[in-house]
Structures are given as structure tokens and as C-alpha cells.
Amino acid sequence: MNPFHLAIPVTSLEPCRTFYRETLSCKEGRSSDHWVDFNFFGHQFVIHIDKNHSKKIAPTNKVDGKAVPVPHFGVVLDWEVWEELAVKMKNQNAEFIIEPYIRFKGQVGEQATMFFLDPEGNALEFKAFKDKSQVFAK
């Protein structure tokens, strides 16, 4: 699978730089005083300064009775890596939008998921599939 490239606006580099580097353990790559590259679980992720960017509360859609923020982004992790991240975020007292839980338990597409915000209010989803071959299964 080819890595994706995603660039997002932020009003301040340092809080996000710390969050992605230290909280999520993303290795920092190239940077300037206006942007920072990260290895986001094998993908190229960049935060760019935009002083005109405004934090806003994302609209939501109901999924499993939970308010899923739109837009959001994230990554599909291996099950064990997802479990480790869930524990790490709980231990850091993360403010979850959606607490870690299992969807479709015992069914096709069984998956673990959790949502939380970065310091700029960008919604992130981390998920894992019991069987990665079922990522697109109906």
C-alpha cells in the first residue's frame, strides 16, 4: 500500500508538534518555521501554519449512536498497536470524543475504534480490524 500525504492548517506549530511527536510518537521529519513533516504511522503528514485558520467544532454524524466528527482523519493500525495506543491515551487522560470500543464484534468487519482531538481541534480516528482483509468488507 502506498503512503498517503496529508497537510493540515494549524494556528500554532509548537503545541501540535509536541502532540504528534510526543503523544502519538510520530517521528519528526523536515521542518521550517512554517511547517513540520511527520511520519504518521508510515504516512507523510504535515502541519502548516495558517494564522487565519480558526478552530471550530466539527459537525457530527450518528454512527452506532455516537457523534462522529466530520471531517476527521486517522489510520488503521495493527490490533495490538491500537490496544497499546488506547492504553497510552487513557493513561494520559486523553479527552476522547469517542472512547475506545469494538464495533461489529464477532461479525464481518469487526473493528476497534477511538476518536480524540489534537491541540488545534482536528478530530483523529484510530482503528484496527481483527482481520485486515476485511477493511472494505460489507
N, C-alpha and C. Protein backbone atom coordinates (compact mmCIF):
# COMPACT_ATOMS: atom_id res chain seq x y z
N MET A 1 0.85 -1.17 0.00
CA MET A 1 0.00 0.00 0.00
C MET A 1 0.89 1.24 0.00
N ASN A 2 0.52 2.20 -0.79
CA ASN A 2 1.29 3.44 -0.85
C ASN A 2 0.90 4.37 0.30
N PRO A 3 1.87 5.08 0.85
CA PRO A 3 1.54 6.02 1.93
C PRO A 3 0.77 7.21 1.37
N PHE A 4 -0.14 7.74 2.17
CA PHE A 4 -0.84 8.95 1.77
C PHE A 4 -0.05 10.16 2.23
N HIS A 5 -0.40 11.33 1.70
CA HIS A 5 0.16 12.61 2.12
C HIS A 5 -1.02 13.47 2.55
N LEU A 6 -0.94 14.02 3.74
CA LEU A 6 -1.99 14.89 4.24
C LEU A 6 -1.34 16.10 4.88
N ALA A 7 -1.81 17.30 4.51
CA ALA A 7 -1.33 18.54 5.10
C ALA A 7 -2.54 19.27 5.68
N ILE A 8 -2.39 19.74 6.92
CA ILE A 8 -3.50 20.43 7.58
C ILE A 8 -3.02 21.77 8.13
N PRO A 9 -3.94 22.74 8.25
CA PRO A 9 -3.57 24.04 8.82
C PRO A 9 -3.64 24.01 10.34
N VAL A 10 -2.73 24.74 10.96
CA VAL A 10 -2.73 24.94 12.41
C VAL A 10 -2.38 26.40 12.68
N THR A 11 -2.84 26.92 13.82
CA THR A 11 -2.52 28.31 14.15
C THR A 11 -1.20 28.44 14.89
N SER A 12 -0.75 27.33 15.51
CA SER A 12 0.50 27.33 16.26
C SER A 12 1.20 25.99 16.08
N LEU A 13 2.44 26.03 15.66
CA LEU A 13 3.19 24.79 15.41
C LEU A 13 3.53 24.03 16.67
N GLU A 14 4.01 24.71 17.70
CA GLU A 14 4.59 24.01 18.84
C GLU A 14 3.65 23.07 19.60
N PRO A 15 2.43 23.48 19.92
CA PRO A 15 1.56 22.51 20.62
C PRO A 15 1.28 21.27 19.77
N CYS A 16 1.08 21.46 18.48
CA CYS A 16 0.82 20.32 17.59
C CYS A 16 2.09 19.50 17.38
N ARG A 17 3.20 20.17 17.23
CA ARG A 17 4.49 19.47 17.07
C ARG A 17 4.72 18.55 18.28
N THR A 18 4.49 19.06 19.46
CA THR A 18 4.66 18.27 20.68
C THR A 18 3.66 17.11 20.72
N PHE A 19 2.42 17.38 20.39
CA PHE A 19 1.38 16.35 20.41
C PHE A 19 1.71 15.20 19.46
N TYR A 20 2.01 15.52 18.21
CA TYR A 20 2.27 14.45 17.23
C TYR A 20 3.59 13.72 17.53
N ARG A 21 4.59 14.47 17.97
CA ARG A 21 5.88 13.85 18.25
C ARG A 21 5.87 13.07 19.56
N GLU A 22 5.34 13.65 20.61
CA GLU A 22 5.45 13.02 21.93
C GLU A 22 4.24 12.18 22.31
N THR A 23 3.05 12.70 22.10
CA THR A 23 1.86 11.95 22.48
C THR A 23 1.63 10.77 21.54
N LEU A 24 1.73 11.01 20.23
CA LEU A 24 1.48 9.94 19.26
C LEU A 24 2.76 9.24 18.79
N SER A 25 3.92 9.71 19.26
CA SER A 25 5.22 9.10 18.92
C SER A 25 5.51 9.08 17.42
N CYS A 26 5.09 10.12 16.72
CA CYS A 26 5.38 10.25 15.29
C CYS A 26 6.76 10.88 15.13
N LYS A 27 7.60 10.24 14.35
CA LYS A 27 8.94 10.77 14.12
C LYS A 27 8.85 12.03 13.27
N GLU A 28 9.54 13.07 13.74
CA GLU A 28 9.56 14.33 13.01
C GLU A 28 10.54 14.24 11.86
N GLY A 29 10.13 14.79 10.71
CA GLY A 29 10.99 14.84 9.54
C GLY A 29 11.47 16.26 9.29
N ARG A 30 11.41 16.67 8.04
CA ARG A 30 11.82 18.03 7.67
C ARG A 30 10.88 19.05 8.31
N SER A 31 11.41 20.27 8.46
CA SER A 31 10.57 21.33 9.02
C SER A 31 11.14 22.69 8.65
N SER A 32 10.32 23.69 8.86
CA SER A 32 10.75 25.09 8.74
C SER A 32 10.03 25.83 9.86
N ASP A 33 10.07 27.13 9.82
CA ASP A 33 9.34 27.88 10.85
C ASP A 33 7.85 28.00 10.49
N HIS A 34 7.44 27.40 9.35
CA HIS A 34 6.04 27.47 8.91
C HIS A 34 5.37 26.10 8.79
N TRP A 35 6.14 25.02 8.85
CA TRP A 35 5.57 23.69 8.68
C TRP A 35 6.47 22.63 9.29
N VAL A 36 5.87 21.45 9.56
CA VAL A 36 6.61 20.31 10.12
C VAL A 36 6.05 19.03 9.49
N ASP A 37 6.96 18.20 8.98
CA ASP A 37 6.61 16.87 8.46
C ASP A 37 6.69 15.84 9.58
N PHE A 38 5.79 14.85 9.54
CA PHE A 38 5.84 13.73 10.47
C PHE A 38 5.65 12.42 9.73
N ASN A 39 6.26 11.38 10.28
CA ASN A 39 5.96 10.02 9.85
C ASN A 39 4.75 9.60 10.68
N PHE A 40 3.58 9.68 10.09
CA PHE A 40 2.32 9.39 10.76
C PHE A 40 1.95 7.93 10.49
N PHE A 41 2.59 7.03 11.26
CA PHE A 41 2.34 5.60 11.12
C PHE A 41 2.59 5.13 9.69
N GLY A 42 3.70 5.63 9.11
CA GLY A 42 4.09 5.23 7.76
C GLY A 42 3.58 6.15 6.66
N HIS A 43 2.87 7.20 7.03
CA HIS A 43 2.31 8.13 6.05
C HIS A 43 2.92 9.51 6.26
N GLN A 44 2.94 10.32 5.21
CA GLN A 44 3.51 11.66 5.31
C GLN A 44 2.42 12.64 5.73
N PHE A 45 2.61 13.21 6.89
CA PHE A 45 1.65 14.13 7.48
C PHE A 45 2.37 15.44 7.78
N VAL A 46 1.74 16.56 7.42
CA VAL A 46 2.38 17.86 7.57
C VAL A 46 1.42 18.84 8.25
N ILE A 47 1.94 19.55 9.24
CA ILE A 47 1.18 20.66 9.82
C ILE A 47 1.77 21.95 9.25
N HIS A 48 0.90 22.84 8.80
CA HIS A 48 1.28 24.12 8.21
C HIS A 48 0.66 25.25 9.00
N ILE A 49 1.46 26.27 9.29
CA ILE A 49 0.95 27.47 9.96
C ILE A 49 -0.03 28.19 9.04
N ASP A 50 -1.17 28.54 9.60
CA ASP A 50 -2.16 29.38 8.92
C ASP A 50 -2.77 30.25 10.01
N LYS A 51 -2.27 31.46 10.14
CA LYS A 51 -2.73 32.36 11.20
C LYS A 51 -4.22 32.69 11.07
N ASN A 52 -4.79 32.52 9.87
CA ASN A 52 -6.20 32.80 9.66
C ASN A 52 -7.09 31.59 9.92
N HIS A 53 -6.47 30.45 10.18
CA HIS A 53 -7.24 29.24 10.45
C HIS A 53 -7.97 29.41 11.78
N SER A 54 -9.18 28.95 11.82
CA SER A 54 -9.92 29.04 13.09
C SER A 54 -10.35 27.66 13.53
N LYS A 55 -10.19 27.43 14.82
CA LYS A 55 -10.67 26.19 15.40
C LYS A 55 -12.19 26.27 15.43
N LYS A 56 -12.82 25.23 14.97
CA LYS A 56 -14.27 25.22 15.03
C LYS A 56 -14.75 23.83 15.40
N ILE A 57 -15.89 23.78 15.99
CA ILE A 57 -16.46 22.49 16.37
C ILE A 57 -16.99 21.83 15.12
N ALA A 58 -16.51 20.63 14.87
CA ALA A 58 -16.92 19.89 13.67
C ALA A 58 -18.35 19.40 13.81
N PRO A 59 -19.08 19.43 12.69
CA PRO A 59 -20.39 18.80 12.72
C PRO A 59 -20.22 17.30 12.91
N THR A 60 -21.29 16.61 13.28
CA THR A 60 -21.19 15.18 13.54
C THR A 60 -22.27 14.40 12.79
N ASN A 61 -21.97 13.12 12.60
CA ASN A 61 -22.94 12.16 12.08
C ASN A 61 -23.09 11.07 13.12
N LYS A 62 -24.29 10.54 13.28
CA LYS A 62 -24.52 9.45 14.23
C LYS A 62 -24.06 8.13 13.61
N VAL A 63 -23.18 7.43 14.33
CA VAL A 63 -22.74 6.09 13.97
C VAL A 63 -22.77 5.28 15.26
N ASP A 64 -23.48 4.18 15.25
CA ASP A 64 -23.63 3.37 16.46
C ASP A 64 -24.15 4.21 17.63
N GLY A 65 -24.93 5.23 17.34
CA GLY A 65 -25.45 6.09 18.40
C GLY A 65 -24.45 7.07 18.96
N LYS A 66 -23.28 7.14 18.33
CA LYS A 66 -22.22 8.05 18.80
C LYS A 66 -22.06 9.18 17.78
N ALA A 67 -21.65 10.35 18.27
CA ALA A 67 -21.48 11.53 17.41
C ALA A 67 -20.08 11.53 16.81
N VAL A 68 -19.97 11.08 15.56
CA VAL A 68 -18.69 11.02 14.86
C VAL A 68 -18.42 12.37 14.19
N PRO A 69 -17.29 13.00 14.52
CA PRO A 69 -16.98 14.30 13.93
C PRO A 69 -16.64 14.18 12.44
N VAL A 70 -17.13 15.15 11.67
CA VAL A 70 -16.85 15.22 10.24
C VAL A 70 -16.39 16.64 9.97
N PRO A 71 -15.20 16.83 9.45
CA PRO A 71 -14.26 15.80 8.98
C PRO A 71 -13.43 15.23 10.13
N HIS A 72 -12.77 14.13 9.81
CA HIS A 72 -11.76 13.54 10.69
C HIS A 72 -10.79 12.77 9.82
N PHE A 73 -9.63 12.43 10.39
CA PHE A 73 -8.67 11.61 9.68
C PHE A 73 -8.00 10.71 10.70
N GLY A 74 -7.27 9.74 10.21
CA GLY A 74 -6.58 8.82 11.11
C GLY A 74 -5.92 7.72 10.33
N VAL A 75 -5.78 6.59 10.98
CA VAL A 75 -5.06 5.49 10.36
C VAL A 75 -5.57 4.16 10.92
N VAL A 76 -5.47 3.12 10.09
CA VAL A 76 -5.79 1.76 10.53
C VAL A 76 -4.50 1.14 11.04
N LEU A 77 -4.51 0.73 12.29
CA LEU A 77 -3.34 0.16 12.94
C LEU A 77 -3.50 -1.36 13.08
N ASP A 78 -2.40 -2.04 13.37
CA ASP A 78 -2.49 -3.43 13.78
C ASP A 78 -3.22 -3.46 15.12
N TRP A 79 -3.95 -4.55 15.38
CA TRP A 79 -4.78 -4.65 16.58
C TRP A 79 -3.99 -4.37 17.86
N GLU A 80 -2.81 -4.98 17.98
CA GLU A 80 -2.01 -4.82 19.19
C GLU A 80 -1.52 -3.38 19.34
N VAL A 81 -1.16 -2.75 18.24
CA VAL A 81 -0.70 -1.36 18.27
C VAL A 81 -1.86 -0.45 18.70
N TRP A 82 -3.06 -0.73 18.18
CA TRP A 82 -4.24 0.04 18.58
C TRP A 82 -4.48 -0.09 20.08
N GLU A 83 -4.41 -1.32 20.59
CA GLU A 83 -4.61 -1.54 22.02
C GLU A 83 -3.60 -0.76 22.86
N GLU A 84 -2.34 -0.76 22.42
CA GLU A 84 -1.29 -0.02 23.14
C GLU A 84 -1.57 1.48 23.12
N LEU A 85 -2.00 1.98 21.96
CA LEU A 85 -2.30 3.41 21.86
C LEU A 85 -3.50 3.76 22.73
N ALA A 86 -4.51 2.92 22.75
CA ALA A 86 -5.69 3.17 23.59
C ALA A 86 -5.29 3.27 25.07
N VAL A 87 -4.45 2.35 25.52
CA VAL A 87 -3.98 2.37 26.91
C VAL A 87 -3.16 3.64 27.16
N LYS A 88 -2.26 3.96 26.22
CA LYS A 88 -1.42 5.16 26.37
C LYS A 88 -2.28 6.41 26.48
N MET A 89 -3.28 6.54 25.61
CA MET A 89 -4.12 7.73 25.63
C MET A 89 -4.95 7.79 26.92
N LYS A 90 -5.46 6.65 27.39
CA LYS A 90 -6.19 6.62 28.66
C LYS A 90 -5.28 7.03 29.81
N ASN A 91 -4.05 6.50 29.81
CA ASN A 91 -3.09 6.83 30.87
C ASN A 91 -2.71 8.29 30.86
N GLN A 92 -2.81 8.94 29.71
CA GLN A 92 -2.51 10.37 29.60
C GLN A 92 -3.76 11.22 29.81
N ASN A 93 -4.84 10.56 30.23
CA ASN A 93 -6.11 11.25 30.47
C ASN A 93 -6.60 12.01 29.25
N ALA A 94 -6.48 11.38 28.08
CA ALA A 94 -6.96 11.99 26.85
C ALA A 94 -8.45 12.26 26.97
N GLU A 95 -8.87 13.34 26.35
CA GLU A 95 -10.30 13.65 26.29
C GLU A 95 -10.82 13.03 25.00
N PHE A 96 -11.41 11.86 25.13
CA PHE A 96 -11.92 11.16 23.97
C PHE A 96 -13.23 11.78 23.51
N ILE A 97 -13.37 11.92 22.22
CA ILE A 97 -14.67 12.26 21.63
C ILE A 97 -15.52 10.99 21.67
N ILE A 98 -14.88 9.88 21.30
CA ILE A 98 -15.49 8.56 21.39
C ILE A 98 -14.47 7.65 22.05
N GLU A 99 -14.81 7.14 23.21
CA GLU A 99 -13.93 6.23 23.96
C GLU A 99 -13.61 5.00 23.12
N PRO A 100 -12.45 4.39 23.34
CA PRO A 100 -12.11 3.15 22.62
C PRO A 100 -13.19 2.09 22.82
N TYR A 101 -13.63 1.51 21.70
CA TYR A 101 -14.62 0.44 21.77
C TYR A 101 -14.53 -0.44 20.53
N ILE A 102 -15.24 -1.57 20.57
CA ILE A 102 -15.24 -2.53 19.47
C ILE A 102 -16.58 -2.45 18.75
N ARG A 103 -16.52 -2.30 17.41
CA ARG A 103 -17.71 -2.31 16.57
C ARG A 103 -17.81 -3.66 15.87
N PHE A 104 -19.03 -4.07 15.59
CA PHE A 104 -19.29 -5.29 14.82
C PHE A 104 -18.64 -6.53 15.45
N LYS A 105 -18.64 -6.58 16.77
CA LYS A 105 -18.00 -7.69 17.49
C LYS A 105 -18.53 -9.03 16.99
N GLY A 106 -17.60 -9.91 16.59
CA GLY A 106 -17.95 -11.23 16.11
C GLY A 106 -18.53 -11.26 14.71
N GLN A 107 -18.55 -10.11 14.04
CA GLN A 107 -19.12 -10.01 12.69
C GLN A 107 -18.04 -9.66 11.67
N VAL A 108 -18.43 -9.72 10.40
CA VAL A 108 -17.54 -9.28 9.33
C VAL A 108 -17.20 -7.81 9.59
N GLY A 109 -15.93 -7.48 9.48
CA GLY A 109 -15.51 -6.09 9.68
C GLY A 109 -15.34 -5.69 11.14
N GLU A 110 -15.22 -6.67 12.04
CA GLU A 110 -15.02 -6.34 13.46
C GLU A 110 -13.83 -5.38 13.58
N GLN A 111 -14.05 -4.29 14.30
CA GLN A 111 -13.01 -3.27 14.39
C GLN A 111 -13.03 -2.56 15.73
N ALA A 112 -11.86 -2.11 16.11
CA ALA A 112 -11.68 -1.27 17.29
C ALA A 112 -11.54 0.16 16.79
N THR A 113 -12.11 1.10 17.53
CA THR A 113 -12.01 2.49 17.12
C THR A 113 -11.99 3.41 18.33
N MET A 114 -11.43 4.59 18.14
CA MET A 114 -11.45 5.66 19.15
C MET A 114 -11.22 6.98 18.43
N PHE A 115 -11.75 8.04 19.01
CA PHE A 115 -11.62 9.39 18.45
C PHE A 115 -11.16 10.34 19.55
N PHE A 116 -10.24 11.24 19.18
CA PHE A 116 -9.85 12.33 20.07
C PHE A 116 -9.35 13.48 19.22
N LEU A 117 -9.13 14.63 19.84
CA LEU A 117 -8.71 15.84 19.13
C LEU A 117 -7.23 16.12 19.33
N ASP A 118 -6.61 16.75 18.34
CA ASP A 118 -5.26 17.28 18.54
C ASP A 118 -5.41 18.67 19.16
N PRO A 119 -4.32 19.36 19.50
CA PRO A 119 -4.43 20.67 20.16
C PRO A 119 -5.15 21.74 19.34
N GLU A 120 -5.26 21.55 18.03
CA GLU A 120 -5.95 22.52 17.17
C GLU A 120 -7.42 22.16 16.98
N GLY A 121 -7.86 21.08 17.58
CA GLY A 121 -9.26 20.67 17.43
C GLY A 121 -9.53 19.79 16.24
N ASN A 122 -8.46 19.30 15.57
CA ASN A 122 -8.64 18.37 14.46
C ASN A 122 -9.00 17.00 15.03
N ALA A 123 -10.07 16.41 14.52
CA ALA A 123 -10.52 15.11 15.00
C ALA A 123 -9.73 14.00 14.35
N LEU A 124 -9.24 13.08 15.18
CA LEU A 124 -8.48 11.93 14.71
C LEU A 124 -9.21 10.65 15.10
N GLU A 125 -9.22 9.70 14.18
CA GLU A 125 -9.76 8.37 14.46
C GLU A 125 -8.65 7.35 14.27
N PHE A 126 -8.50 6.50 15.25
CA PHE A 126 -7.57 5.38 15.14
C PHE A 126 -8.40 4.12 15.23
N LYS A 127 -8.17 3.21 14.27
CA LYS A 127 -8.94 1.99 14.27
C LYS A 127 -8.04 0.81 13.95
N ALA A 128 -8.56 -0.37 14.19
CA ALA A 128 -7.87 -1.62 13.87
C ALA A 128 -8.94 -2.66 13.55
N PHE A 129 -8.61 -3.56 12.65
CA PHE A 129 -9.52 -4.63 12.27
C PHE A 129 -8.98 -5.96 12.79
N LYS A 130 -9.88 -6.80 13.30
CA LYS A 130 -9.48 -8.14 13.73
C LYS A 130 -8.85 -8.87 12.55
N ASP A 131 -9.41 -8.66 11.37
CA ASP A 131 -8.91 -9.27 10.13
C ASP A 131 -8.76 -8.16 9.11
N LYS A 132 -7.50 -7.73 8.88
CA LYS A 132 -7.27 -6.58 7.99
C LYS A 132 -7.78 -6.80 6.57
N SER A 133 -7.99 -8.05 6.18
CA SER A 133 -8.52 -8.29 4.83
C SER A 133 -9.98 -7.85 4.74
N GLN A 134 -10.60 -7.51 5.88
CA GLN A 134 -12.00 -7.10 5.91
C GLN A 134 -12.17 -5.58 6.00
N VAL A 135 -11.11 -4.84 5.75
CA VAL A 135 -11.21 -3.36 5.84
C VAL A 135 -12.33 -2.83 4.97
N PHE A 136 -12.50 -3.39 3.79
CA PHE A 136 -13.55 -2.90 2.87
C PHE A 136 -14.70 -3.88 2.73
N ALA A 137 -14.79 -4.88 3.60
CA ALA A 137 -15.84 -5.88 3.51
C ALA A 137 -17.19 -5.29 3.88
N LYS A 138 -18.24 -5.80 3.24
CA LYS A 138 -19.61 -5.35 3.53
C LYS A 138 -20.27 -6.30 4.50
